[in-house]
């Protein structure tokens, strides 16, 4: 880092520090305004018991419009004969599932979504019927039998239609067996608010995927084979979360807790009754006061949520705690005066002096040699066995804490460097980055069309990655880059060197869940990475050497992003988990910024992976084998193209979702994706 860049980094950081108070004030103001507005709305419609207002504000709700809503799409292909009544029965069991108190587990599945004065609300539907959200598709399309040749066009047309506003914002379409194929399909479309508001709802529930324990899923494998880890995606762990700092915190809290418990056992009259029988010294009185103070604070914090939400009730409860704890420990002004007199009593002073001299003599004559022996023994144990049995020695404390302190210090330096460089990275790498504008800009219609490739062999992708010394993700990105190159080649005479895209990884447990104990968790959604995806020369066919060079370009770009975009990755994860930006800034500002950024990064790539390598196909709740599960993440704002990489069992499927006005270009891109992968495998002699 040069001196000018160093000065520029710190200058931007200090400018950011100066505006932090303004951001804090914005946070308080916006949260107050939103709470006030929600209070007004709730009280204005308090007579309407059918309404439940949604207080959550996230990126998608800020960008939502009546035309362009965030509708996630899933397609499940299932082997066997289609039995609509069986599917409908299993779906109704999910929608009507109740807890032990008889209440609906997922009430929002039976409520429609309405917008009232800029706020979303759930409205209860009278006489809910499962037919409102469950439809059976036709086996003919545009006068012709439904076959695998026109299946994608049929499903894409179904997806392009808006969800009806008068029903709950989700829909399942059962597509019967296509001609000449022993397979049927379940198409699920669901509003993003259902995923965020129904905390316990799993997509696998609506897709009716059977939930099994790993032991049941892989009965023929032992424990080591069952937990085969999936290779880490390079889109993960760009910002390494601290590990030593939490470990140090746990150790310190445990140590402090042990010392505190020992302190209480010696000085708390409730633990040591003998203390109430004698007049305390000033130090003992001080110890009682400290213990009483800590107890009052702990009890007040624990019961804070159950106290009435007004100042008078809270002060009254606090005063009750003070009186209770002081009376239990007999703390009073009179006792304080008595403790001073007792401490200054010549007899007490003489006894204290004799006790001090006795302790010193015992320490130096008897205890000191034993302590030295323990320290030497602990030192030998640490050197010879890398483990210390004498845990109460200074050597043991240093042995346990110095490595953790060293690693924690390194993590503090790392986090500080990321924080200090964050403003420069965001401005230089994201806002001021050289980018290529798309050849055609259209206004989004809100309707979406989809397409997907045939299943790509996962083992072939792993072999290619191993051969080229890269990851599976980089192989997929090279296929996407080659397909986009050919796609632009049909519209442009000159292909740009690169095109900006955003990429992120999502763990499939966030949507599908793998077993009974898995619940949707936003921590499974990775941060955003901004890439300048290299494009290759406008050649229809690449040779082996050209493919190697191109994949290395992808690898270099991704490596550069991983080394510079830790702050962006961490901030995007914080927004997903905590909503820091939507809490600090008004929705109109969020919308303007995202409109600008999405006009630059018009392509979004989402990778759906798993922690473990699945070695068997999933099944439905009625026992049929699932051939494939495909996921489409809806593009938002000015993003015109969303590409999703869905990993399932031993295959990978590339799914395309674009605006309706771009059709039929999305079909062309799907063909180019398949062609690019086929060409790559042929050049490496893996087809």
Foldseek 3Di string as FASTA:
>chain_A
DDPVVVVVLQVLLVVVVVCVVVLVVLLVVLVVVLVVVVVVVCVVCVVQPQKAWDSDDALQLLFDDPQAFWKWKKKFKFFAFDDVVVLLVLLVCQQCPDDPVNHTLQQLQQWFWDADPSTIITGHDPPGDSVLAEEEDDQADPRHGFAPVCVQVVVQVVQLDARDRRGRFKHWYKYGDGPPHRMTMIMIIGGVVSLVVSQFDFLQSNVQFDFDDLCVQCVPDDPVVSQAFDPDDLQPPLPPDDDLVVVVVVVVVVVVVVVVVVLCCVQPCVNVVVVVVDQAALVSLVSLVVVLVVVLVVVLVVCVVVFPPDDVRSVVVSVVSSVVSCVVRVDDPVSNVSNHVCNPPPVNVVVVVVVVVVVVVCCVPPVVVVLVVLQVQQVCCCVPVVDGPSCPHPSNVCSPVVVSVVSVVVVVVVVVVCSSSVSVLCCVVAVVDDADFDPDADDFSSGKGKDKADWAFQVLLVVVCVVLVHDSVLVLLLLLQALVLQLVVVVDPFDDQFHKAKEWEAECLLHNNRHDPGTRDLLRTWFIFIFGQGHDGNDPADAQVVSSVNSVVSVVRSVVRSNRVNNRRVVRSCCSHPVSPCSSDPSVVSLVVVLVSCSRHQEYEYEYHHRRANQDFIAGNVGITIPDMDIWGDDGRRNFKYWYWDDGHRTIMIMIMGGPVPPPSNVSSNVSSVVSVVSNCVNVVND
